[in-house]
Amino acid sequence: MRPAIGERHGHPVVFGREVFDALRSAPVEAGARAVVRACGDRVVDVETDDEGTCIDVDTPEQYARALARWSRDR
């Protein structure tokens, strides 16, 4: 399951136990995205209106931007 806003997909993705081995062996550069794509039609999108689910926070800079946005929106 993954959150979705229209065609955009977000975080967190919830994985079933049956794909844990695939997650562990996924190429580092592709990560979990490769596993999600391999699951195809088994992926269930859960519609949401929470824009926060589509914000990537992979670096300190992205975290700072997300934190600033969150503080501004409160």
Protein backbone atom coordinates (compact mmCIF):
# COMPACT_ATOMS: atom_id res chain seq x y z
CA MET A 1 0.00 0.00 0.00
CA ARG A 2 1.18 3.51 -0.75
CA PRO A 3 -0.39 6.92 -0.43
CA ALA A 4 -1.34 8.62 -3.68
CA ILE A 5 -2.39 12.09 -4.71
CA GLY A 6 -3.69 11.60 -8.23
CA GLU A 7 -0.81 10.08 -10.19
CA ARG A 8 1.82 11.03 -7.59
CA HIS A 9 2.86 8.36 -5.11
CA GLY A 10 4.18 9.03 -1.66
CA HIS A 11 5.45 7.70 1.64
CA PRO A 12 5.29 5.60 3.62
CA VAL A 13 4.89 2.47 1.55
CA VAL A 14 3.69 -0.53 3.54
CA PHE A 15 5.22 -3.81 2.39
CA GLY A 16 4.01 -7.32 3.06
CA ARG A 17 6.37 -9.86 4.52
CA GLU A 18 6.45 -11.73 1.20
CA VAL A 19 8.62 -9.01 -0.38
CA PHE A 20 11.15 -8.57 2.45
CA ASP A 21 13.81 -10.67 0.67
CA ALA A 22 13.33 -8.59 -2.49
CA LEU A 23 13.73 -5.40 -0.44
CA ARG A 24 16.94 -6.68 1.13
CA SER A 25 18.43 -7.57 -2.25
CA ALA A 26 17.20 -4.54 -4.22
CA PRO A 27 19.92 -2.52 -5.96
CA VAL A 28 20.99 0.38 -3.75
CA GLU A 29 20.50 2.94 -6.53
CA ALA A 30 16.89 1.80 -7.10
CA GLY A 31 15.99 0.79 -3.55
CA ALA A 32 12.41 -0.02 -2.65
CA ARG A 33 11.16 1.64 -5.83
CA ALA A 34 12.38 -1.38 -7.82
CA VAL A 35 10.37 -3.69 -5.58
CA VAL A 36 7.23 -1.55 -5.87
CA ARG A 37 7.53 -1.61 -9.66
CA ALA A 38 8.08 -5.37 -9.67
CA CYS A 39 4.89 -5.86 -7.64
CA GLY A 40 2.84 -4.36 -10.48
CA ASP A 41 -0.91 -4.78 -10.01
CA ARG A 42 -0.50 -5.98 -6.42
CA VAL A 43 0.29 -2.41 -5.28
CA VAL A 44 -2.72 -0.72 -3.68
CA ASP A 45 -2.84 3.07 -3.87
CA VAL A 46 -4.58 4.81 -0.98
CA GLU A 47 -5.89 8.24 -2.03
CA THR A 48 -5.01 11.10 0.29
CA ASP A 49 -4.92 14.88 0.17
CA ASP A 50 -1.86 15.10 2.44
CA GLU A 51 0.87 16.76 0.34
CA GLY A 52 3.39 15.78 3.01
CA THR A 53 3.29 12.19 1.79
CA CYS A 54 4.94 13.25 -1.48
CA ILE A 55 7.85 15.19 0.01
CA ASP A 56 11.23 13.45 -0.27
CA VAL A 57 13.47 13.83 2.76
CA ASP A 58 16.68 12.02 1.82
CA THR A 59 19.28 14.70 2.58
CA PRO A 60 19.86 17.28 5.31
CA GLU A 61 18.94 20.00 2.81
CA GLN A 62 15.62 18.35 1.95
CA TYR A 63 14.92 17.91 5.66
CA ALA A 64 15.57 21.62 6.29
CA ARG A 65 13.18 22.58 3.47
CA ALA A 66 10.49 20.20 4.74
CA LEU A 67 10.88 21.50 8.28
CA ALA A 68 10.64 25.12 7.09
CA ARG A 69 7.51 24.30 5.09
CA TRP A 70 5.93 22.48 8.04
CA SER A 71 6.69 25.40 10.37
CA ARG A 72 5.25 27.89 7.86
CA ASP A 73 2.05 25.84 7.35
CA ARG A 74 1.26 25.53 11.06
